[in-house]
């Protein structure tokens, strides 16, 4: 492994731990000696990385530092290509456009010898069935970002149609199924709404007051979560 890749990997390990991490742990995860860790930490500090070091305690990386230039391994680039294909073929046009732009930006800063790894002809990710005309994933993402309520017309299991006000907290992509997890204001409980049963959906001006991340935790712990119902981890 080149030293530049080793320094990049060391930064990634520090970011992953977030808090203080000992030199011994860094050495074990990076598969190098403790002496090498000390030298590499000193090099990163000289390059501008805000790494606090305390003898006998460990190291902590403060946020805001990136190694110039952007560095990827071939495996990381292949992972990005496969992920980009999945997004392009499994989500919606807005996200597909965004991921193509992201790959173009990455390609623009890669050294010439690494650009071949972005050749997506090495991989194939299949498409999915057409989404229900009643559901716009781009609008759903906006509702998630802005914590806005949605009004949906939903085809129930018994064949009837109901109108519900929901607080969307998560989009689900499981094989060919697309779904929205959220708190149903109408029924007073969490529910998983399948896209092929959503006949109409609109984002409302009104925001729900509770933090979406906390609602996600509640959803995952609720009896309506698929893993809870099937007793999976």
Protein backbone atom coordinates (compact mmCIF):
# COMPACT_ATOMS: atom_id res chain seq x y z
CA UNK A 1 0.00 0.00 0.00
CA UNK A 2 1.34 3.45 -0.89
CA UNK A 3 1.90 5.92 1.92
CA UNK A 4 -0.78 8.27 0.54
CA UNK A 5 -3.35 5.47 0.70
CA UNK A 6 -2.20 4.57 4.20
CA UNK A 7 -2.65 8.17 5.35
CA UNK A 8 -6.09 8.29 3.76
CA UNK A 9 -7.10 5.03 5.45
CA UNK A 10 -5.85 6.35 8.79
CA UNK A 11 -8.06 9.42 8.38
CA UNK A 12 -11.02 7.19 7.63
CA UNK A 13 -10.39 5.15 10.78
CA UNK A 14 -10.20 8.33 12.87
CA UNK A 15 -13.47 9.60 11.32
CA UNK A 16 -15.19 6.29 11.93
CA UNK A 17 -14.36 6.31 15.64
CA UNK A 18 -15.42 9.97 16.03
CA UNK A 19 -14.28 10.09 19.64
CA UNK A 20 -10.84 9.50 21.13
CA UNK A 21 -9.15 6.30 19.95
CA UNK A 22 -5.91 4.79 21.22
CA UNK A 23 -2.81 4.36 19.09
CA UNK A 24 -2.94 0.60 19.67
CA UNK A 25 -6.45 0.42 18.18
CA UNK A 26 -5.37 2.52 15.20
CA UNK A 27 -2.34 0.30 14.64
CA UNK A 28 -4.47 -2.85 14.78
CA UNK A 29 -7.12 -1.55 12.37
CA UNK A 30 -4.54 -0.11 9.95
CA UNK A 31 -2.37 -3.26 10.25
CA UNK A 32 0.80 -1.27 10.93
CA UNK A 33 3.08 -0.73 13.90
CA UNK A 34 2.42 1.77 16.68
CA UNK A 35 5.58 3.56 15.60
CA UNK A 36 4.17 3.97 12.08
CA UNK A 37 0.91 5.35 13.51
CA UNK A 38 2.87 7.98 15.45
CA UNK A 39 4.79 9.01 12.33
CA UNK A 40 1.65 9.11 10.19
CA UNK A 41 -0.25 11.15 12.78
CA UNK A 42 2.64 13.66 12.81
CA UNK A 43 2.53 13.81 8.99
CA UNK A 44 -1.23 14.45 8.96
CA UNK A 45 -0.85 17.15 11.59
CA UNK A 46 1.84 18.80 9.46
CA UNK A 47 -0.55 18.72 6.49
CA UNK A 48 -3.17 20.60 8.50
CA UNK A 49 -5.26 17.86 10.06
CA UNK A 50 -6.62 18.99 13.44
CA UNK A 51 -5.69 15.88 15.44
CA UNK A 52 -5.46 16.20 19.21
CA UNK A 53 -3.04 13.77 20.84
CA UNK A 54 -2.82 13.00 24.53
CA UNK A 55 -0.19 10.64 25.92
CA UNK A 56 -1.72 7.51 27.39
CA UNK A 57 -5.21 8.38 26.05
CA UNK A 58 -5.15 8.51 22.26
CA UNK A 59 -6.08 10.65 19.28
CA UNK A 60 -9.16 12.49 18.09
CA UNK A 61 -9.70 14.08 14.67
CA UNK A 62 -11.61 17.34 14.64
CA UNK A 63 -13.99 17.71 11.65
CA UNK A 64 -13.25 19.74 8.55
CA UNK A 65 -10.07 18.21 7.09
CA UNK A 66 -9.76 16.46 3.72
CA UNK A 67 -6.65 15.00 2.13
CA UNK A 68 -5.92 16.74 -1.18
CA UNK A 69 -6.29 15.43 -3.83
CA UNK A 70 -9.37 13.22 -3.50
CA UNK A 71 -8.15 9.65 -3.18
CA UNK A 72 -9.97 6.37 -3.90
CA UNK A 73 -8.94 2.75 -4.28
CA UNK A 74 -10.23 0.74 -7.25
CA UNK A 75 -12.56 -1.21 -4.96
CA UNK A 76 -14.03 2.05 -3.63
CA UNK A 77 -14.57 3.34 -7.16
CA UNK A 78 -16.24 0.08 -8.19
CA UNK A 79 -18.52 0.35 -5.14
CA UNK A 80 -19.47 3.89 -6.20
CA UNK A 81 -20.23 2.74 -9.76
CA UNK A 82 -22.46 -0.13 -8.60
CA UNK A 83 -24.21 2.18 -6.14
CA UNK A 84 -24.68 4.81 -8.84
CA UNK A 85 -26.21 2.25 -11.21
CA UNK A 86 -28.59 1.10 -8.50
CA UNK A 87 -29.69 4.66 -7.77
CA UNK A 88 -30.12 5.41 -11.48
CA UNK A 89 -32.30 2.36 -12.12
CA UNK A 90 -34.12 1.87 -8.85
CA UNK A 91 -35.17 5.36 -7.76
CA UNK A 92 -36.36 8.39 -9.72
CA UNK A 93 -35.03 10.71 -12.48
CA UNK A 94 -33.96 13.48 -10.08
CA UNK A 95 -31.73 11.16 -8.04
CA UNK A 96 -30.45 9.49 -11.22
CA UNK A 97 -29.38 12.90 -12.54
CA UNK A 98 -27.76 13.78 -9.20
CA UNK A 99 -25.72 10.59 -9.06
CA UNK A 100 -24.48 11.05 -12.65
CA UNK A 101 -23.35 14.56 -11.71
CA UNK A 102 -21.58 13.20 -8.63
CA UNK A 103 -19.67 10.61 -10.68
CA UNK A 104 -18.70 13.30 -13.20
CA UNK A 105 -17.27 15.43 -10.38
CA UNK A 106 -15.30 12.45 -9.06
CA UNK A 107 -14.02 11.66 -12.57
CA UNK A 108 -12.83 15.27 -12.91
CA UNK A 109 -10.43 15.00 -9.95
CA UNK A 110 -9.16 11.45 -10.46
CA UNK A 111 -5.67 10.85 -11.86
CA UNK A 112 -5.81 9.44 -15.43
CA UNK A 113 -4.75 5.93 -14.37
CA UNK A 114 -7.74 5.64 -12.00
CA UNK A 115 -10.48 6.79 -14.37
CA UNK A 116 -10.81 3.36 -15.97
CA UNK A 117 -12.23 2.11 -12.65
CA UNK A 118 -15.27 4.34 -13.26
CA UNK A 119 -16.08 2.42 -16.45
CA UNK A 120 -19.57 1.16 -15.66
CA UNK A 121 -19.48 -1.47 -18.44
CA UNK A 122 -17.97 -3.86 -15.88
CA UNK A 123 -21.22 -4.03 -13.90
CA UNK A 124 -24.93 -4.38 -14.47
CA UNK A 125 -27.73 -3.50 -12.07
CA UNK A 126 -31.24 -4.33 -13.21
CA UNK A 127 -34.14 -1.91 -13.27
CA UNK A 128 -37.37 -2.05 -11.31
CA UNK A 129 -41.03 -1.96 -12.05
CA UNK A 130 -42.66 1.36 -12.85
CA UNK A 131 -43.62 3.35 -9.79
CA UNK A 132 -47.22 4.12 -9.03
CA UNK A 133 -48.34 7.28 -10.80
CA UNK A 134 -49.67 8.52 -7.48
CA UNK A 135 -46.24 8.73 -5.85
CA UNK A 136 -43.46 11.20 -6.65
CA UNK A 137 -40.26 10.12 -4.87
CA UNK A 138 -38.66 13.54 -5.33
CA UNK A 139 -41.58 15.14 -3.47
CA UNK A 140 -41.31 12.46 -0.77
CA UNK A 141 -37.64 13.30 -0.27
CA UNK A 142 -38.52 16.98 0.03
CA UNK A 143 -41.10 16.13 2.69
CA UNK A 144 -38.47 14.11 4.57
CA UNK A 145 -35.86 16.89 4.39
CA UNK A 146 -38.28 19.61 5.46
CA UNK A 147 -40.26 17.46 7.92
CA UNK A 148 -43.52 18.26 6.15
CA UNK A 149 -46.74 16.33 6.46
CA UNK A 150 -48.24 14.52 3.47
CA UNK A 151 -51.81 13.76 2.50
CA UNK A 152 -52.23 10.45 0.72
CA UNK A 153 -55.11 8.50 -0.77
CA UNK A 154 -54.39 4.89 0.17
CA UNK A 155 -55.86 1.64 -1.17
CA UNK A 156 -56.52 -0.48 1.92
CA UNK A 157 -56.22 -4.26 2.16
CA UNK A 158 -59.99 -4.66 2.30
CA UNK A 159 -60.35 -2.86 -1.06
CA UNK A 160 -61.55 0.47 0.33
CA UNK A 161 -59.77 3.81 -0.13
CA UNK A 162 -58.84 6.06 2.80
CA UNK A 163 -57.38 9.54 3.04
CA UNK A 164 -54.59 9.85 5.55
CA UNK A 165 -52.34 12.57 6.92
CA UNK A 166 -48.87 11.12 7.53
CA UNK A 167 -45.52 12.28 8.88
CA UNK A 168 -43.05 10.61 6.49
CA UNK A 169 -39.84 9.55 8.25
CA UNK A 170 -38.16 7.06 5.89
CA UNK A 171 -38.23 5.82 2.29
CA UNK A 172 -37.86 2.07 1.82
CA UNK A 173 -36.32 0.26 -1.17
CA UNK A 174 -36.70 -3.51 -0.83
CA UNK A 175 -36.25 -5.46 -4.07
CA UNK A 176 -39.00 -4.11 -6.35
CA UNK A 177 -41.09 -2.64 -3.55
CA UNK A 178 -41.03 1.06 -2.68
CA UNK A 179 -42.60 2.26 0.54
CA UNK A 180 -42.91 5.16 2.96
CA UNK A 181 -42.64 4.62 6.69
CA UNK A 182 -44.32 7.24 8.82
CA UNK A 183 -46.56 8.24 11.64
CA UNK A 184 -50.19 8.17 10.55
CA UNK A 185 -51.88 11.16 12.11
CA UNK A 186 -55.26 9.80 11.03
CA UNK A 187 -54.88 6.43 12.75
CA UNK A 188 -52.50 7.46 15.56
CA UNK A 189 -49.83 4.84 14.86
CA UNK A 190 -46.79 4.07 12.71
CA UNK A 191 -47.41 2.39 9.38
CA UNK A 192 -45.56 1.20 6.28
CA UNK A 193 -47.31 2.53 3.17
CA UNK A 194 -46.56 0.60 -0.03
CA UNK A 195 -46.11 2.75 -3.12
CA UNK A 196 -48.28 0.57 -5.37
CA UNK A 197 -51.23 1.25 -3.05
CA UNK A 198 -50.75 5.04 -2.89
CA UNK A 199 -53.24 6.48 -5.37
CA UNK A 200 -52.40 10.12 -4.73
CA UNK A 201 -49.92 12.00 -2.55
CA UNK A 202 -49.26 15.66 -1.88
CA UNK A 203 -46.81 17.50 0.36
CA UNK A 204 -48.57 19.84 2.79
CA UNK A 205 -47.27 23.24 3.93
CA UNK A 206 -47.55 22.18 7.57
CA UNK A 207 -44.47 20.75 9.26
CA UNK A 208 -44.53 18.13 11.98
CA UNK A 209 -42.84 19.45 15.10
CA UNK A 210 -40.93 16.37 16.28
CA UNK A 211 -37.42 15.57 15.05
CA UNK A 212 -37.48 13.09 12.17
CA UNK A 213 -34.45 11.14 13.43
CA UNK A 214 -36.15 10.48 16.75
CA UNK A 215 -39.26 9.35 14.90
CA UNK A 216 -37.13 6.93 12.86
CA UNK A 217 -35.89 5.35 16.11
CA UNK A 218 -39.47 5.01 17.34
CA UNK A 219 -40.52 3.48 14.02
CA UNK A 220 -37.74 0.90 14.17
CA UNK A 221 -38.83 -0.07 17.69
CA UNK A 222 -42.54 -0.13 16.87
CA UNK A 223 -44.64 -3.22 16.34
CA UNK A 224 -45.26 -2.10 12.75
CA UNK A 225 -41.57 -2.32 11.75
CA UNK A 226 -40.97 -5.40 9.54
CA UNK A 227 -38.00 -6.58 11.63
CA UNK A 228 -40.03 -6.38 14.83
CA UNK A 229 -42.92 -8.30 13.30
CA UNK A 230 -40.60 -11.03 12.03
CA UNK A 231 -38.37 -11.00 15.17
CA UNK A 232 -35.26 -10.27 13.11
CA UNK A 233 -32.30 -8.21 14.28
